[in-house]
Amino acid sequence: MHEEIVNSVNEIDKTRKLYFEEEHLAKQARDKEEKIKKRKTGIFASFTSLQNKKERTSAHREASDIQSTQVM
């Protein structure tokens, strides 16, 4: 009985760590997306390049959000 409890606690701890790691990555992606949205184009930065970066970052953020909220 004691061994089952210890194994359950260890599994919960691993899952918690994984969740917080994925949530941290999702937050970083959201922050990066927000920064790109607010950034003004520089002299040498093309609008198309910034749009592509925004789309990639948005896709990464969405994937991270989905992954961090999935039930294991």
PDB file of N, CA and C in Angstrom:
ATOM      1  N   MET A   1       0.826  -1.189   0.000  1.00  0.00           N
ATOM      2  CA  MET A   1       0.000   0.000   0.000  1.00  0.00           C
ATOM      3  C   MET A   1       0.877   1.263   0.000  1.00  0.00           C
ATOM      4  N   HIS A   2       1.868   1.260   0.864  1.00  0.00           N
ATOM      5  CA  HIS A   2       2.761   2.417   0.961  1.00  0.00           C
ATOM      6  C   HIS A   2       3.497   2.653  -0.361  1.00  0.00           C
ATOM      7  N   GLU A   3       3.902   1.582  -1.001  1.00  0.00           N
ATOM      8  CA  GLU A   3       4.625   1.696  -2.274  1.00  0.00           C
ATOM      9  C   GLU A   3       3.734   2.307  -3.356  1.00  0.00           C
ATOM     10  N   GLU A   4       2.464   1.955  -3.372  1.00  0.00           N
ATOM     11  CA  GLU A   4       1.525   2.517  -4.345  1.00  0.00           C
ATOM     12  C   GLU A   4       1.362   4.021  -4.145  1.00  0.00           C
ATOM     13  N   ILE A   5       1.310   4.430  -2.898  1.00  0.00           N
ATOM     14  CA  ILE A   5       1.172   5.859  -2.590  1.00  0.00           C
ATOM     15  C   ILE A   5       2.415   6.611  -3.048  1.00  0.00           C
ATOM     16  N   VAL A   6       3.576   6.059  -2.766  1.00  0.00           N
ATOM     17  CA  VAL A   6       4.834   6.697  -3.172  1.00  0.00           C
ATOM     18  C   VAL A   6       4.898   6.804  -4.691  1.00  0.00           C
ATOM     19  N   ASN A   7       4.519   5.746  -5.396  1.00  0.00           N
ATOM     20  CA  ASN A   7       4.524   5.780  -6.861  1.00  0.00           C
ATOM     21  C   ASN A   7       3.538   6.809  -7.394  1.00  0.00           C
ATOM     22  N   SER A   8       2.374   6.905  -6.777  1.00  0.00           N
ATOM     23  CA  SER A   8       1.376   7.889  -7.209  1.00  0.00           C
ATOM     24  C   SER A   8       1.880   9.310  -7.003  1.00  0.00           C
ATOM     25  N   VAL A   9       2.497   9.550  -5.862  1.00  0.00           N
ATOM     26  CA  VAL A   9       3.032  10.885  -5.570  1.00  0.00           C
ATOM     27  C   VAL A   9       4.140  11.229  -6.560  1.00  0.00           C
ATOM     28  N   ASN A  10       4.995  10.281  -6.871  1.00  0.00           N
ATOM     29  CA  ASN A  10       6.068  10.527  -7.846  1.00  0.00           C
ATOM     30  C   ASN A  10       5.497  10.831  -9.222  1.00  0.00           C
ATOM     31  N   GLU A  11       4.469  10.094  -9.619  1.00  0.00           N
ATOM     32  CA  GLU A  11       3.839  10.333 -10.919  1.00  0.00           C
ATOM     33  C   GLU A  11       3.178  11.711 -10.964  1.00  0.00           C
ATOM     34  N   ILE A  12       2.520  12.086  -9.885  1.00  0.00           N
ATOM     35  CA  ILE A  12       1.892  13.411  -9.815  1.00  0.00           C
ATOM     36  C   ILE A  12       2.958  14.496  -9.907  1.00  0.00           C
ATOM     37  N   ASP A  13       4.073  14.307  -9.221  1.00  0.00           N
ATOM     38  CA  ASP A  13       5.151  15.297  -9.243  1.00  0.00           C
ATOM     39  C   ASP A  13       5.736  15.449 -10.643  1.00  0.00           C
ATOM     40  N   LYS A  14       5.952  14.333 -11.347  1.00  0.00           N
ATOM     41  CA  LYS A  14       6.463  14.397 -12.717  1.00  0.00           C
ATOM     42  C   LYS A  14       5.483  15.121 -13.632  1.00  0.00           C
ATOM     43  N   THR A  15       4.197  14.811 -13.480  1.00  0.00           N
ATOM     44  CA  THR A  15       3.171  15.447 -14.305  1.00  0.00           C
ATOM     45  C   THR A  15       3.102  16.943 -14.023  1.00  0.00           C
ATOM     46  N   ARG A  16       3.205  17.316 -12.752  1.00  0.00           N
ATOM     47  CA  ARG A  16       3.174  18.731 -12.370  1.00  0.00           C
ATOM     48  C   ARG A  16       4.354  19.477 -12.983  1.00  0.00           C
ATOM     49  N   LYS A  17       5.538  18.894 -12.914  1.00  0.00           N
ATOM     50  CA  LYS A  17       6.725  19.528 -13.493  1.00  0.00           C
ATOM     51  C   LYS A  17       6.573  19.698 -15.001  1.00  0.00           C
ATOM     52  N   LEU A  18       6.062  18.672 -15.669  1.00  0.00           N
ATOM     53  CA  LEU A  18       5.855  18.739 -17.109  1.00  0.00           C
ATOM     54  C   LEU A  18       4.844  19.829 -17.456  1.00  0.00           C
ATOM     55  N   TYR A  19       3.763  19.909 -16.678  1.00  0.00           N
ATOM     56  CA  TYR A  19       2.745  20.930 -16.915  1.00  0.00           C
ATOM     57  C   TYR A  19       3.343  22.328 -16.789  1.00  0.00           C
ATOM     58  N   PHE A  20       4.081  22.579 -15.720  1.00  0.00           N
ATOM     59  CA  PHE A  20       4.654  23.907 -15.524  1.00  0.00           C
ATOM     60  C   PHE A  20       5.683  24.250 -16.600  1.00  0.00           C
ATOM     61  N   GLU A  21       6.428  23.252 -17.056  1.00  0.00           N
ATOM     62  CA  GLU A  21       7.387  23.495 -18.138  1.00  0.00           C
ATOM     63  C   GLU A  21       6.653  23.881 -19.425  1.00  0.00           C
ATOM     64  N   GLU A  22       5.592  23.145 -19.755  1.00  0.00           N
ATOM     65  CA  GLU A  22       4.831  23.445 -20.968  1.00  0.00           C
ATOM     66  C   GLU A  22       4.106  24.782 -20.847  1.00  0.00           C
ATOM     67  N   GLU A  23       3.599  25.091 -19.675  1.00  0.00           N
ATOM     68  CA  GLU A  23       2.929  26.373 -19.469  1.00  0.00           C
ATOM     69  C   GLU A  23       3.926  27.519 -19.597  1.00  0.00           C
ATOM     70  N   HIS A  24       5.149  27.312 -19.112  1.00  0.00           N
ATOM     71  CA  HIS A  24       6.200  28.327 -19.230  1.00  0.00           C
ATOM     72  C   HIS A  24       6.528  28.589 -20.704  1.00  0.00           C
ATOM     73  N   LEU A  25       6.641  27.512 -21.493  1.00  0.00           N
ATOM     74  CA  LEU A  25       6.904  27.670 -22.925  1.00  0.00           C
ATOM     75  C   LEU A  25       5.752  28.387 -23.621  1.00  0.00           C
ATOM     76  N   ALA A  26       4.523  28.074 -23.228  1.00  0.00           N
ATOM     77  CA  ALA A  26       3.359  28.734 -23.821  1.00  0.00           C
ATOM     78  C   ALA A  26       3.367  30.222 -23.485  1.00  0.00           C
ATOM     79  N   LYS A  27       3.735  30.567 -22.247  1.00  0.00           N
ATOM     80  CA  LYS A  27       3.780  31.979 -21.848  1.00  0.00           C
ATOM     81  C   LYS A  27       4.866  32.716 -22.621  1.00  0.00           C
ATOM     82  N   GLN A  28       6.010  32.077 -22.807  1.00  0.00           N
ATOM     83  CA  GLN A  28       7.075  32.705 -23.585  1.00  0.00           C
ATOM     84  C   GLN A  28       6.617  32.966 -25.014  1.00  0.00           C
ATOM     85  N   ALA A  29       5.903  32.018 -25.596  1.00  0.00           N
ATOM     86  CA  ALA A  29       5.409  32.187 -26.965  1.00  0.00           C
ATOM     87  C   ALA A  29       4.386  33.316 -27.023  1.00  0.00           C
ATOM     88  N   ARG A  30       3.497  33.409 -26.019  1.00  0.00           N
ATOM     89  CA  ARG A  30       2.513  34.503 -25.984  1.00  0.00           C
ATOM     90  C   ARG A  30       3.212  35.851 -25.857  1.00  0.00           C
ATOM     91  N   ASP A  31       4.223  35.912 -24.975  1.00  0.00           N
ATOM     92  CA  ASP A  31       4.963  37.160 -24.787  1.00  0.00           C
ATOM     93  C   ASP A  31       5.688  37.571 -26.066  1.00  0.00           C
ATOM     94  N   LYS A  32       6.301  36.601 -26.733  1.00  0.00           N
ATOM     95  CA  LYS A  32       7.020  36.883 -27.972  1.00  0.00           C
ATOM     96  C   LYS A  32       6.053  37.377 -29.046  1.00  0.00           C
ATOM     97  N   GLU A  33       4.883  36.739 -29.125  1.00  0.00           N
ATOM     98  CA  GLU A  33       3.881  37.161 -30.103  1.00  0.00           C
ATOM     99  C   GLU A  33       3.429  38.596 -29.819  1.00  0.00           C
ATOM    100  N   GLU A  34       3.209  38.907 -28.563  1.00  0.00           N
ATOM    101  CA  GLU A  34       2.781  40.248 -28.179  1.00  0.00           C
ATOM    102  C   GLU A  34       3.862  41.272 -28.524  1.00  0.00           C
ATOM    103  N   LYS A  35       5.115  40.926 -28.297  1.00  0.00           N
ATOM    104  CA  LYS A  35       6.230  41.823 -28.613  1.00  0.00           C
ATOM    105  C   LYS A  35       6.289  42.101 -30.112  1.00  0.00           C
ATOM    106  N   ILE A  36       6.099  41.058 -30.916  1.00  0.00           N
ATOM    107  CA  ILE A  36       6.128  41.229 -32.373  1.00  0.00           C
ATOM    108  C   ILE A  36       4.965  42.098 -32.828  1.00  0.00           C
ATOM    109  N   LYS A  37       3.802  41.912 -32.219  1.00  0.00           N
ATOM    110  CA  LYS A  37       2.640  42.720 -32.593  1.00  0.00           C
ATOM    111  C   LYS A  37       2.893  44.202 -32.318  1.00  0.00           C
ATOM    112  N   LYS A  38       3.581  44.484 -31.207  1.00  0.00           N
ATOM    113  CA  LYS A  38       3.799  45.874 -30.806  1.00  0.00           C
ATOM    114  C   LYS A  38       4.977  46.528 -31.529  1.00  0.00           C
ATOM    115  N   ARG A  39       5.885  45.710 -32.026  1.00  0.00           N
ATOM    116  CA  ARG A  39       7.090  46.246 -32.649  1.00  0.00           C
ATOM    117  C   ARG A  39       6.747  46.975 -33.948  1.00  0.00           C
ATOM    118  N   LYS A  40       7.340  48.100 -34.112  1.00  0.00           N
ATOM    119  CA  LYS A  40       7.156  48.844 -35.361  1.00  0.00           C
ATOM    120  C   LYS A  40       8.226  48.408 -36.345  1.00  0.00           C
ATOM    121  N   THR A  41       7.895  48.485 -37.594  1.00  0.00           N
ATOM    122  CA  THR A  41       8.858  48.070 -38.611  1.00  0.00           C
ATOM    123  C   THR A  41      10.021  49.053 -38.661  1.00  0.00           C
ATOM    124  N   GLY A  42      11.213  48.501 -38.765  1.00  0.00           N
ATOM    125  CA  GLY A  42      12.406  49.318 -38.891  1.00  0.00           C
ATOM    126  C   GLY A  42      12.645  49.660 -40.343  1.00  0.00           C
ATOM    127  N   ILE A  43      13.685  50.403 -40.601  1.00  0.00           N
ATOM    128  CA  ILE A  43      14.005  50.827 -41.959  1.00  0.00           C
ATOM    129  C   ILE A  43      14.258  49.624 -42.858  1.00  0.00           C
ATOM    130  N   PHE A  44      14.972  48.623 -42.345  1.00  0.00           N
ATOM    131  CA  PHE A  44      15.358  47.495 -43.185  1.00  0.00           C
ATOM    132  C   PHE A  44      14.447  46.275 -43.041  1.00  0.00           C
ATOM    133  N   ALA A  45      13.484  46.339 -42.139  1.00  0.00           N
ATOM    134  CA  ALA A  45      12.577  45.202 -41.943  1.00  0.00           C
ATOM    135  C   ALA A  45      11.387  45.337 -42.874  1.00  0.00           C
ATOM    136  N   SER A  46      11.121  44.293 -43.586  1.00  0.00           N
ATOM    137  CA  SER A  46       9.979  44.350 -44.497  1.00  0.00           C
ATOM    138  C   SER A  46       8.730  43.898 -43.762  1.00  0.00           C
ATOM    139  N   PHE A  47       7.621  44.426 -44.202  1.00  0.00           N
ATOM    140  CA  PHE A  47       6.343  44.080 -43.598  1.00  0.00           C
ATOM    141  C   PHE A  47       6.072  42.585 -43.761  1.00  0.00           C
ATOM    142  N   THR A  48       6.396  42.035 -44.904  1.00  0.00           N
ATOM    143  CA  THR A  48       6.163  40.610 -45.159  1.00  0.00           C
ATOM    144  C   THR A  48       6.968  39.749 -44.196  1.00  0.00           C
ATOM    145  N   SER A  49       8.202  40.125 -43.956  1.00  0.00           N
ATOM    146  CA  SER A  49       9.048  39.379 -43.035  1.00  0.00           C
ATOM    147  C   SER A  49       8.458  39.393 -41.631  1.00  0.00           C
ATOM    148  N   LEU A  50       7.995  40.542 -41.192  1.00  0.00           N
ATOM    149  CA  LEU A  50       7.394  40.638 -39.866  1.00  0.00           C
ATOM    150  C   LEU A  50       6.100  39.839 -39.784  1.00  0.00           C
ATOM    151  N   GLN A  51       5.319  39.850 -40.850  1.00  0.00           N
ATOM    152  CA  GLN A  51       4.077  39.070 -40.876  1.00  0.00           C
ATOM    153  C   GLN A  51       4.396  37.579 -40.765  1.00  0.00           C
ATOM    154  N   ASN A  52       5.409  37.132 -41.495  1.00  0.00           N
ATOM    155  CA  ASN A  52       5.800  35.721 -41.430  1.00  0.00           C
ATOM    156  C   ASN A  52       6.252  35.336 -40.025  1.00  0.00           C
ATOM    157  N   LYS A  53       7.042  36.197 -39.396  1.00  0.00           N
ATOM    158  CA  LYS A  53       7.483  35.932 -38.031  1.00  0.00           C
ATOM    159  C   LYS A  53       6.294  35.874 -37.085  1.00  0.00           C
ATOM    160  N   LYS A  54       5.355  36.790 -37.268  1.00  0.00           N
ATOM    161  CA  LYS A  54       4.161  36.815 -36.422  1.00  0.00           C
ATOM    162  C   LYS A  54       3.350  35.538 -36.588  1.00  0.00           C
ATOM    163  N   GLU A  55       3.185  35.079 -37.820  1.00  0.00           N
ATOM    164  CA  GLU A  55       2.417  33.861 -38.074  1.00  0.00           C
ATOM    165  C   GLU A  55       3.095  32.638 -37.460  1.00  0.00           C
ATOM    166  N   ARG A  56       4.425  32.548 -37.605  1.00  0.00           N
ATOM    167  CA  ARG A  56       5.149  31.420 -37.012  1.00  0.00           C
ATOM    168  C   ARG A  56       5.039  31.448 -35.493  1.00  0.00           C
ATOM    169  N   THR A  57       5.188  32.644 -34.918  1.00  0.00           N
ATOM    170  CA  THR A  57       5.098  32.771 -33.474  1.00  0.00           C
ATOM    171  C   THR A  57       3.692  32.456 -32.990  1.00  0.00           C
ATOM    172  N   SER A  58       2.690  32.917 -33.713  1.00  0.00           N
ATOM    173  CA  SER A  58       1.302  32.616 -33.346  1.00  0.00           C
ATOM    174  C   SER A  58       1.042  31.118 -33.395  1.00  0.00           C
ATOM    175  N   ALA A  59       1.537  30.459 -34.420  1.00  0.00           N
ATOM    176  CA  ALA A  59       1.350  29.014 -34.540  1.00  0.00           C
ATOM    177  C   ALA A  59       2.051  28.291 -33.391  1.00  0.00           C
ATOM    178  N   HIS A  60       3.248  28.754 -33.048  1.00  0.00           N
ATOM    179  CA  HIS A  60       3.988  28.153 -31.941  1.00  0.00           C
ATOM    180  C   HIS A  60       3.227  28.369 -30.637  1.00  0.00           C
ATOM    181  N   ARG A  61       2.699  29.570 -30.431  1.00  0.00           N
ATOM    182  CA  ARG A  61       1.939  29.868 -29.219  1.00  0.00           C
ATOM    183  C   ARG A  61       0.709  28.983 -29.126  1.00  0.00           C
ATOM    184  N   GLU A  62      -0.031  28.859 -30.207  1.00  0.00           N
ATOM    185  CA  GLU A  62      -1.235  28.032 -30.198  1.00  0.00           C
ATOM    186  C   GLU A  62      -0.894  26.576 -29.893  1.00  0.00           C
ATOM    187  N   ALA A  63       0.172  26.081 -30.500  1.00  0.00           N
ATOM    188  CA  ALA A  63       0.581  24.699 -30.243  1.00  0.00           C
ATOM    189  C   ALA A  63       0.989  24.519 -28.785  1.00  0.00           C
ATOM    190  N   SER A  64       1.701  25.493 -28.239  1.00  0.00           N
ATOM    191  CA  SER A  64       2.118  25.420 -26.838  1.00  0.00           C
ATOM    192  C   SER A  64       0.918  25.492 -25.908  1.00  0.00           C
ATOM    193  N   ASP A  65      -0.040  26.368 -26.219  1.00  0.00           N
ATOM    194  CA  ASP A  65      -1.253  26.468 -25.408  1.00  0.00           C
ATOM    195  C   ASP A  65      -2.020  25.156 -25.411  1.00  0.00           C
ATOM    196  N   ILE A  66      -2.158  24.562 -26.580  1.00  0.00           N
ATOM    197  CA  ILE A  66      -2.882  23.292 -26.686  1.00  0.00           C
ATOM    198  C   ILE A  66      -2.155  22.208 -25.898  1.00  0.00           C
ATOM    199  N   GLN A  67      -0.851  22.151 -26.062  1.00  0.00           N
ATOM    200  CA  GLN A  67      -0.076  21.118 -25.390  1.00  0.00           C
ATOM    201  C   GLN A  67      -0.115  21.301 -23.876  1.00  0.00           C
ATOM    202  N   SER A  68      -0.082  22.540 -23.394  1.00  0.00           N
ATOM    203  CA  SER A  68      -0.057  22.771 -21.953  1.00  0.00           C
ATOM    204  C   SER A  68      -1.415  22.541 -21.312  1.00  0.00           C
ATOM    205  N   THR A  69      -2.485  22.529 -22.096  1.00  0.00           N
ATOM    206  CA  THR A  69      -3.812  22.326 -21.513  1.00  0.00           C
ATOM    207  C   THR A  69      -4.364  20.932 -21.768  1.00  0.00           C
ATOM    208  N   GLN A  70      -3.613  20.091 -22.462  1.00  0.00           N
ATOM    209  CA  GLN A  70      -4.079  18.729 -22.718  1.00  0.00           C
ATOM    210  C   GLN A  70      -4.054  17.922 -21.433  1.00  0.00           C
ATOM    211  N   VAL A  71      -5.063  17.105 -21.259  1.00  0.00           N
ATOM    212  CA  VAL A  71      -5.133  16.214 -20.106  1.00  0.00           C
ATOM    213  C   VAL A  71      -4.333  14.965 -20.426  1.00  0.00           C
ATOM    214  N   MET A  72      -3.490  14.581 -19.494  1.00  0.00           N
ATOM    215  CA  MET A  72      -2.635  13.409 -19.730  1.00  0.00           C
ATOM    216  C   MET A  72      -3.322  12.177 -19.240  1.00  0.00           C
TER     217      MET A  72
END
